[in-house]
Amino acid sequence: MMMEKISTVITWCIAVVMAWLGGMDLKDVGTLAGIALGILMAFISWYYKRKTYRLLASGRITREEYESANR
């Protein structure tokens, strides 16, 4: 029963998003895709900068390697 509720919610969410996208033209969809990619790239950059900082703090990499990775 629980799996059926989860799949129903997911299906409804997909239907709502598809209906919303159906009312947009190509320019609007492109703008949304660009915004989503920009946010994704900022998150990936933050994640790897944080990861290299933790490696530096734990002593696994040198300061020069840290600087090289974060140029």
Protein backbone atom coordinates (compact mmCIF):
# COMPACT_ATOMS: atom_id res chain seq x y z
CA MET A 1 0.00 0.00 0.00
CA MET A 2 2.80 2.44 0.85
CA MET A 3 4.53 1.90 -2.49
CA GLU A 4 1.29 2.63 -4.34
CA LYS A 5 0.91 5.96 -2.53
CA ILE A 6 4.49 6.93 -3.32
CA SER A 7 4.13 6.05 -7.00
CA THR A 8 0.83 7.95 -7.17
CA VAL A 9 2.40 11.10 -5.71
CA ILE A 10 5.34 10.86 -8.10
CA THR A 11 3.00 10.38 -11.06
CA TRP A 12 0.89 13.40 -10.07
CA CYS A 13 4.00 15.55 -9.63
CA ILE A 14 5.28 14.56 -13.07
CA ALA A 15 1.86 15.31 -14.58
CA VAL A 16 1.77 18.77 -12.97
CA VAL A 17 5.28 19.60 -14.18
CA MET A 18 4.50 18.39 -17.70
CA ALA A 19 1.29 20.45 -17.78
CA TRP A 20 3.23 23.51 -16.58
CA LEU A 21 5.92 22.99 -19.21
CA GLY A 22 3.26 22.50 -21.88
CA GLY A 23 2.15 26.09 -21.47
CA MET A 24 5.65 27.46 -22.12
CA ASP A 25 7.40 28.20 -25.36
CA LEU A 26 10.91 27.09 -26.26
CA LYS A 27 12.51 30.32 -25.02
CA ASP A 28 11.03 29.89 -21.53
CA VAL A 29 12.12 26.26 -21.31
CA GLY A 30 15.64 27.25 -22.39
CA THR A 31 15.76 29.93 -19.72
CA LEU A 32 14.70 27.46 -17.04
CA ALA A 33 17.25 24.91 -18.24
CA GLY A 34 20.00 27.57 -18.11
CA ILE A 35 19.05 28.55 -14.57
CA ALA A 36 18.98 24.91 -13.48
CA LEU A 37 22.40 24.25 -15.02
CA GLY A 38 23.85 27.35 -13.35
CA ILE A 39 22.59 26.25 -9.95
CA LEU A 40 23.89 22.72 -10.55
CA MET A 41 27.36 23.99 -11.50
CA ALA A 42 27.50 26.23 -8.42
CA PHE A 43 26.62 23.26 -6.20
CA ILE A 44 29.24 21.02 -7.84
CA SER A 45 31.90 23.73 -7.45
CA TRP A 46 31.00 24.25 -3.78
CA TYR A 47 31.09 20.50 -3.12
CA TYR A 48 34.57 19.98 -4.56
CA LYS A 49 36.02 23.11 -2.94
CA ARG A 50 34.69 21.88 0.40
CA LYS A 51 36.11 18.41 -0.25
CA THR A 52 39.59 19.75 -1.06
CA TYR A 53 39.49 21.97 2.04
CA ARG A 54 38.68 18.96 4.21
CA LEU A 55 41.58 17.06 2.64
CA LEU A 56 43.87 20.00 3.42
CA ALA A 57 42.60 20.22 7.00
CA SER A 58 43.14 16.50 7.56
CA GLY A 59 46.69 16.70 6.18
CA ARG A 60 46.11 14.40 3.22
CA ILE A 61 47.15 17.04 0.68
CA THR A 62 49.66 19.88 0.80
CA ARG A 63 48.89 23.59 0.57
CA GLU A 64 50.30 23.68 -2.98
CA GLU A 65 47.98 20.87 -4.08
CA TYR A 66 45.05 22.70 -2.46
CA GLU A 67 45.91 25.93 -4.27
CA SER A 68 46.31 24.07 -7.55
CA ALA A 69 42.91 22.42 -7.21
CA ASN A 70 41.12 25.68 -6.37
CA ARG A 71 42.34 27.95 -9.15
